[in-house]
Amino acid sequence: MAKLVVAASLVVAGAVAFSYFGEQPLWVRLLGLLVVIGVAGFVAYQSTWGRSAVAFFAEARTEVRKVVWPTRQETLQTSLAIFIGVLIMSLILWGIDSLLFRVVRYLTGQGG
């Protein structure tokens, strides 16, 4: 836990230093901030939590590679089907809304 606190403190210190040295060129401040973030990441990796987080992301990357992604044609066909379905449903809802509007106007005596 102490390593995580040190890593978080390094990131906060880097952000404060980035702001404090505002008169320096931007690339120097960014380089310094990236170095501090890299050191903080290294310190965080030394903890049990850090190692388990890295292992989790490695496993997640492996799982993403196993996914069978749809082809361009399948994606276009699915998108077209969804678009047509949404269009049909919007027309149905527009029709029901118009009908109810006319019924309410008739019942309230505002219709002609």
Protein backbone atom coordinates (compact mmCIF):
# COMPACT_ATOMS: atom_id res chain seq x y z
CA MET A 1 0.00 0.00 0.00
CA ALA A 2 2.89 2.34 0.75
CA LYS A 3 4.19 1.93 -2.80
CA LEU A 4 0.83 2.99 -4.20
CA VAL A 5 0.81 6.06 -1.95
CA VAL A 6 4.32 6.94 -3.13
CA ALA A 7 3.25 6.49 -6.78
CA ALA A 8 0.19 8.71 -6.30
CA SER A 9 2.33 11.31 -4.51
CA LEU A 10 4.77 11.31 -7.42
CA VAL A 11 1.97 11.96 -9.90
CA VAL A 12 0.61 14.80 -7.77
CA ALA A 13 4.11 16.26 -7.37
CA GLY A 14 4.64 16.03 -11.13
CA ALA A 15 1.40 17.89 -11.80
CA VAL A 16 2.33 20.59 -9.29
CA ALA A 17 5.81 20.90 -10.82
CA PHE A 18 4.27 21.14 -14.30
CA SER A 19 2.22 24.09 -13.12
CA TYR A 20 4.99 25.65 -10.99
CA PHE A 21 7.51 25.75 -13.82
CA GLY A 22 5.13 27.53 -16.18
CA GLU A 23 7.89 29.76 -17.58
CA GLN A 24 9.74 26.76 -19.01
CA PRO A 25 8.99 25.59 -22.56
CA LEU A 26 6.01 23.27 -22.84
CA TRP A 27 8.03 20.35 -24.22
CA VAL A 28 10.39 20.47 -21.20
CA ARG A 29 7.48 20.43 -18.76
CA LEU A 30 5.73 17.62 -20.66
CA LEU A 31 8.92 15.57 -20.78
CA GLY A 32 9.39 16.03 -17.03
CA LEU A 33 5.78 15.08 -16.35
CA LEU A 34 6.06 11.95 -18.51
CA VAL A 35 9.24 10.90 -16.71
CA VAL A 36 7.56 11.36 -13.32
CA ILE A 37 4.51 9.38 -14.50
CA GLY A 38 6.82 6.64 -15.77
CA VAL A 39 8.63 6.45 -12.43
CA ALA A 40 5.30 6.42 -10.60
CA GLY A 41 4.11 3.59 -12.84
CA PHE A 42 7.28 1.64 -12.10
CA VAL A 43 6.82 2.14 -8.36
CA ALA A 44 3.15 1.12 -8.59
CA TYR A 45 4.13 -1.99 -10.57
CA GLN A 46 6.32 -3.11 -7.68
CA SER A 47 3.23 -3.53 -5.49
CA THR A 48 1.00 -6.60 -5.43
CA TRP A 49 -1.92 -4.55 -6.71
CA GLY A 50 0.19 -3.18 -9.56
CA ARG A 51 1.28 -6.63 -10.70
CA SER A 52 -2.28 -7.94 -10.56
CA ALA A 53 -3.51 -4.93 -12.55
CA VAL A 54 -0.91 -5.53 -15.25
CA ALA A 55 -1.85 -9.23 -15.35
CA PHE A 56 -5.54 -8.31 -15.64
CA PHE A 57 -4.91 -6.03 -18.61
CA ALA A 58 -2.74 -8.64 -20.29
CA GLU A 59 -5.53 -11.21 -19.92
CA ALA A 60 -8.08 -8.69 -21.20
CA ARG A 61 -5.94 -8.07 -24.28
CA THR A 62 -5.75 -11.81 -24.89
CA GLU A 63 -9.54 -12.09 -24.65
CA VAL A 64 -10.07 -9.19 -27.05
CA ARG A 65 -7.90 -10.97 -29.61
CA LYS A 66 -10.19 -14.02 -29.36
CA VAL A 67 -13.28 -12.03 -30.37
CA VAL A 68 -14.59 -12.68 -33.86
CA TRP A 69 -15.29 -9.21 -35.21
CA PRO A 70 -17.98 -8.77 -37.90
CA THR A 71 -16.96 -8.04 -41.46
CA ARG A 72 -17.60 -4.68 -43.07
CA GLN A 73 -20.55 -6.11 -45.02
CA GLU A 74 -22.12 -7.62 -41.86
CA THR A 75 -21.72 -4.31 -40.06
CA LEU A 76 -23.34 -2.37 -42.90
CA GLN A 77 -26.24 -4.83 -43.17
CA THR A 78 -26.86 -4.75 -39.43
CA SER A 79 -26.71 -0.94 -39.38
CA LEU A 80 -29.17 -0.76 -42.29
CA ALA A 81 -31.58 -3.15 -40.55
CA ILE A 82 -31.42 -1.06 -37.36
CA PHE A 83 -31.94 2.16 -39.32
CA ILE A 84 -34.99 0.74 -41.09
CA GLY A 85 -36.39 -0.58 -37.80
CA VAL A 86 -35.95 2.80 -36.12
CA LEU A 87 -37.54 4.56 -39.08
CA ILE A 88 -40.58 2.26 -39.07
CA MET A 89 -40.99 2.58 -35.30
CA SER A 90 -40.72 6.38 -35.46
CA LEU A 91 -43.42 6.50 -38.14
CA ILE A 92 -45.68 4.27 -36.03
CA LEU A 93 -45.15 6.45 -32.95
CA TRP A 94 -45.71 9.62 -35.01
CA GLY A 95 -48.99 8.18 -36.29
CA ILE A 96 -50.18 7.21 -32.79
CA ASP A 97 -49.18 10.65 -31.48
CA SER A 98 -51.07 12.40 -34.30
CA LEU A 99 -54.14 10.26 -33.71
CA LEU A 100 -54.13 10.92 -29.96
CA PHE A 101 -53.60 14.64 -30.59
CA ARG A 102 -56.67 14.77 -32.84
CA VAL A 103 -58.76 12.75 -30.36
CA VAL A 104 -57.82 15.09 -27.50
CA ARG A 105 -58.55 18.17 -29.64
CA TYR A 106 -61.95 16.73 -30.54
CA LEU A 107 -62.81 15.79 -26.96
CA THR A 108 -61.79 19.20 -25.59
CA GLY A 109 -63.72 21.05 -28.26
CA GLN A 110 -60.66 22.69 -29.79
CA GLY A 111 -60.87 20.77 -33.04
CA GLY A 112 -62.66 22.04 -36.07
